[in-house]
């Protein structure tokens, strides 16, 4: 299965040195105790490696014995291959795609409802009329639900660049400037 993994910058996790592009193998996979951990929801990586400026994130191939604990989308497996390193902007794009694919799943703690200002360089907002604002260089990720369901109708990602997207200005999923935060 394809999943996501957060690691320290040196590609270590809990003392294990991962190798990019090679299949890493361990004997047991018990989500609460051992195995190689990863997550179906890209945003869940931030729960374990939240300091994204000092962490790296990968798309991984999780194989072998797989175990889930039901706490979030975290899984443990006995075989893992680091496929592609994702900068934060790409990790957030994958998170938006995850919301589109699984609109009914529980929201990650990093997702704000209807309106949010960036914190630590990014914000993810989901709702019927999502709006976001941020500082220079921040990433704004928005997912707009259908009026009558949790299905995602539109998703967008913007970087506050000071030209097209201005600092401390609220934007909707279409990139339109909003006068104020959603009520």
Protein backbone atom coordinates (compact mmCIF):
# COMPACT_ATOMS: atom_id res chain seq x y z
CA UNK A 1 0.00 0.00 0.00
CA UNK A 2 1.07 3.61 -0.52
CA UNK A 3 1.39 5.67 2.67
CA UNK A 4 3.39 8.57 4.16
CA UNK A 5 6.26 8.71 6.64
CA UNK A 6 7.91 11.45 8.65
CA UNK A 7 11.57 11.16 9.62
CA UNK A 8 14.41 13.18 11.03
CA UNK A 9 16.46 14.97 8.37
CA UNK A 10 19.13 12.23 8.51
CA UNK A 11 16.43 9.66 7.59
CA UNK A 12 16.34 8.12 11.05
CA UNK A 13 13.26 7.23 13.04
CA UNK A 14 13.50 5.93 16.60
CA UNK A 15 17.15 4.99 16.04
CA UNK A 16 16.62 3.11 12.78
CA UNK A 17 18.50 4.40 9.72
CA UNK A 18 16.29 4.24 6.63
CA UNK A 19 17.75 4.08 3.15
CA UNK A 20 16.01 5.93 0.34
CA UNK A 21 14.90 3.78 -2.59
CA UNK A 22 15.76 0.51 -0.85
CA UNK A 23 13.35 -1.83 0.89
CA UNK A 24 13.91 -1.66 4.64
CA UNK A 25 12.95 -4.89 6.44
CA UNK A 26 12.12 -5.75 10.04
CA UNK A 27 10.65 -8.87 11.64
CA UNK A 28 7.52 -7.72 13.46
CA UNK A 29 4.77 -5.17 12.92
CA UNK A 30 2.73 -4.27 15.99
CA UNK A 31 1.51 -0.69 15.70
CA UNK A 32 1.82 -0.03 19.43
CA UNK A 33 5.27 -1.58 19.82
CA UNK A 34 7.37 -2.19 16.73
CA UNK A 35 7.65 -2.31 12.97
CA UNK A 36 8.04 0.56 10.53
CA UNK A 37 5.37 3.18 11.13
CA UNK A 38 3.69 5.29 8.48
CA UNK A 39 0.24 6.80 7.90
CA UNK A 40 -2.46 6.74 5.25
CA UNK A 41 -3.31 10.40 5.93
CA UNK A 42 -0.31 12.60 5.08
CA UNK A 43 -1.27 15.08 7.83
CA UNK A 44 -0.90 12.37 10.47
CA UNK A 45 2.87 12.47 9.84
CA UNK A 46 2.81 15.94 11.39
CA UNK A 47 1.44 14.48 14.63
CA UNK A 48 4.69 12.54 15.02
CA UNK A 49 7.12 14.85 13.20
CA UNK A 50 5.52 18.25 13.70
CA UNK A 51 8.66 20.34 13.36
CA UNK A 52 8.49 20.23 9.57
CA UNK A 53 11.51 22.49 9.10
CA UNK A 54 13.70 19.85 10.78
CA UNK A 55 11.92 16.78 9.44
CA UNK A 56 11.45 15.14 6.07
CA UNK A 57 8.36 13.45 4.67
CA UNK A 58 8.17 10.62 2.16
CA UNK A 59 5.67 8.73 0.09
CA UNK A 60 6.38 5.13 1.06
CA UNK A 61 5.45 1.66 -0.06
CA UNK A 62 4.31 -0.31 3.01
CA UNK A 63 4.34 -4.09 2.59
CA UNK A 64 4.62 -7.38 4.45
CA UNK A 65 2.74 -7.79 7.70
CA UNK A 66 0.65 -4.69 8.34
CA UNK A 67 -0.94 -3.72 11.66
CA UNK A 68 -3.27 -0.83 12.59
CA UNK A 69 -4.12 0.51 16.04
CA UNK A 70 -7.21 2.56 15.12
CA UNK A 71 -5.97 5.71 16.85
CA UNK A 72 -5.39 7.64 13.62
CA UNK A 73 -4.35 6.44 10.17
CA UNK A 74 -1.01 5.15 11.50
CA UNK A 75 0.02 1.66 10.50
CA UNK A 76 3.02 -0.55 11.15
CA UNK A 77 4.58 -2.80 8.53
CA UNK A 78 7.53 -5.18 8.15
CA UNK A 79 8.71 -3.88 4.76
CA UNK A 80 8.97 -0.22 3.79
CA UNK A 81 10.48 1.56 0.81
CA UNK A 82 10.98 5.33 0.82
CA UNK A 83 9.75 6.27 -2.67
CA UNK A 84 9.70 10.06 -2.93
CA UNK A 85 10.65 12.91 -0.64
CA UNK A 86 7.87 15.51 -0.32
CA UNK A 87 8.51 19.16 0.49
CA UNK A 88 5.84 20.64 2.77
CA UNK A 89 3.86 22.11 -0.13
CA UNK A 90 3.62 18.68 -1.78
CA UNK A 91 2.75 16.98 1.51
CA UNK A 92 -0.18 19.39 1.84
CA UNK A 93 -1.27 18.69 -1.76
CA UNK A 94 -1.28 14.98 -0.93
CA UNK A 95 -3.33 15.79 2.19
CA UNK A 96 -5.91 17.62 0.07
CA UNK A 97 -6.06 14.64 -2.31
CA UNK A 98 -6.58 12.36 0.70
CA UNK A 99 -9.56 14.50 1.80
CA UNK A 100 -11.02 14.31 -1.71
CA UNK A 101 -10.58 10.51 -1.78
CA UNK A 102 -11.87 9.94 1.79
CA UNK A 103 -14.23 12.82 2.63
CA UNK A 104 -15.96 10.98 5.47
CA UNK A 105 -12.88 10.11 7.47
CA UNK A 106 -12.09 11.84 10.74
CA UNK A 107 -10.29 15.16 10.44
CA UNK A 108 -6.71 15.47 11.53
CA UNK A 109 -6.00 17.96 14.35
CA UNK A 110 -4.20 20.20 11.85
CA UNK A 111 -7.39 20.83 9.88
CA UNK A 112 -9.33 24.00 10.79
CA UNK A 113 -13.07 24.26 10.27
CA UNK A 114 -14.24 27.04 7.90
CA UNK A 115 -11.49 29.58 8.68
CA UNK A 116 -7.90 29.55 9.82
CA UNK A 117 -4.74 31.63 10.02
CA UNK A 118 -1.46 29.91 9.35
CA UNK A 119 0.66 28.78 12.26
CA UNK A 120 4.23 27.61 11.80
CA UNK A 121 4.14 28.29 8.06
CA UNK A 122 0.93 26.60 6.94
CA UNK A 123 -2.79 26.17 7.49
CA UNK A 124 -5.28 23.58 6.25
CA UNK A 125 -8.93 24.69 6.23
CA UNK A 126 -11.94 22.58 5.34
CA UNK A 127 -15.63 23.47 5.25
CA UNK A 128 -18.56 24.74 3.22
CA UNK A 129 -16.88 28.16 2.67
CA UNK A 130 -13.26 27.72 3.75
CA UNK A 131 -11.06 30.82 4.15
CA UNK A 132 -7.43 31.20 5.12
CA UNK A 133 -4.82 33.87 5.73
CA UNK A 134 -1.11 33.74 6.41
CA UNK A 135 2.21 35.52 6.59
CA UNK A 136 4.75 35.90 3.78
CA UNK A 137 5.87 32.48 2.55
CA UNK A 138 3.09 30.57 4.33
CA UNK A 139 1.12 27.82 2.58
CA UNK A 140 -2.69 27.98 2.53
CA UNK A 141 -4.49 24.70 1.77
CA UNK A 142 -8.27 24.80 1.37
CA UNK A 143 -10.90 22.10 0.80
CA UNK A 144 -14.49 23.12 0.05
CA UNK A 145 -17.24 20.65 0.87
CA UNK A 146 -20.47 20.29 -1.08
CA UNK A 147 -23.42 22.20 0.44
CA UNK A 148 -25.28 19.01 1.34
CA UNK A 149 -22.48 16.51 2.10
CA UNK A 150 -18.87 16.10 3.21
CA UNK A 151 -17.72 15.43 -0.38
CA UNK A 152 -14.96 17.82 -1.46
CA UNK A 153 -16.05 19.95 -4.43
CA UNK A 154 -12.89 22.02 -4.77
CA UNK A 155 -9.42 22.04 -3.29
CA UNK A 156 -6.67 24.61 -3.67
CA UNK A 157 -3.24 25.45 -2.38
CA UNK A 158 -1.71 28.94 -2.38
CA UNK A 159 1.61 30.33 -1.19
CA UNK A 160 1.56 33.83 0.29
CA UNK A 161 4.05 35.43 -2.12
CA UNK A 162 3.41 39.15 -1.55
CA UNK A 163 2.32 39.60 -5.19
CA UNK A 164 -0.67 37.46 -6.09
CA UNK A 165 -1.40 36.37 -2.51
CA UNK A 166 -0.79 39.00 0.15
CA UNK A 167 0.13 38.55 3.83
CA UNK A 168 -2.69 38.79 6.38
CA UNK A 169 -5.40 38.81 3.68
CA UNK A 170 -8.16 36.22 3.73
CA UNK A 171 -8.63 34.04 0.61
CA UNK A 172 -11.30 31.55 -0.40
CA UNK A 173 -10.76 28.28 -2.31
CA UNK A 174 -10.90 30.19 -5.62
CA UNK A 175 -8.11 32.55 -4.56
CA UNK A 176 -10.50 35.49 -4.16
CA UNK A 177 -9.71 38.04 -1.48
CA UNK A 178 -12.20 38.12 1.35
CA UNK A 179 -12.88 41.20 3.47
CA UNK A 180 -12.84 39.36 6.77
CA UNK A 181 -12.73 35.99 8.42
CA UNK A 182 -15.81 33.80 8.01
CA UNK A 183 -18.40 34.46 10.69
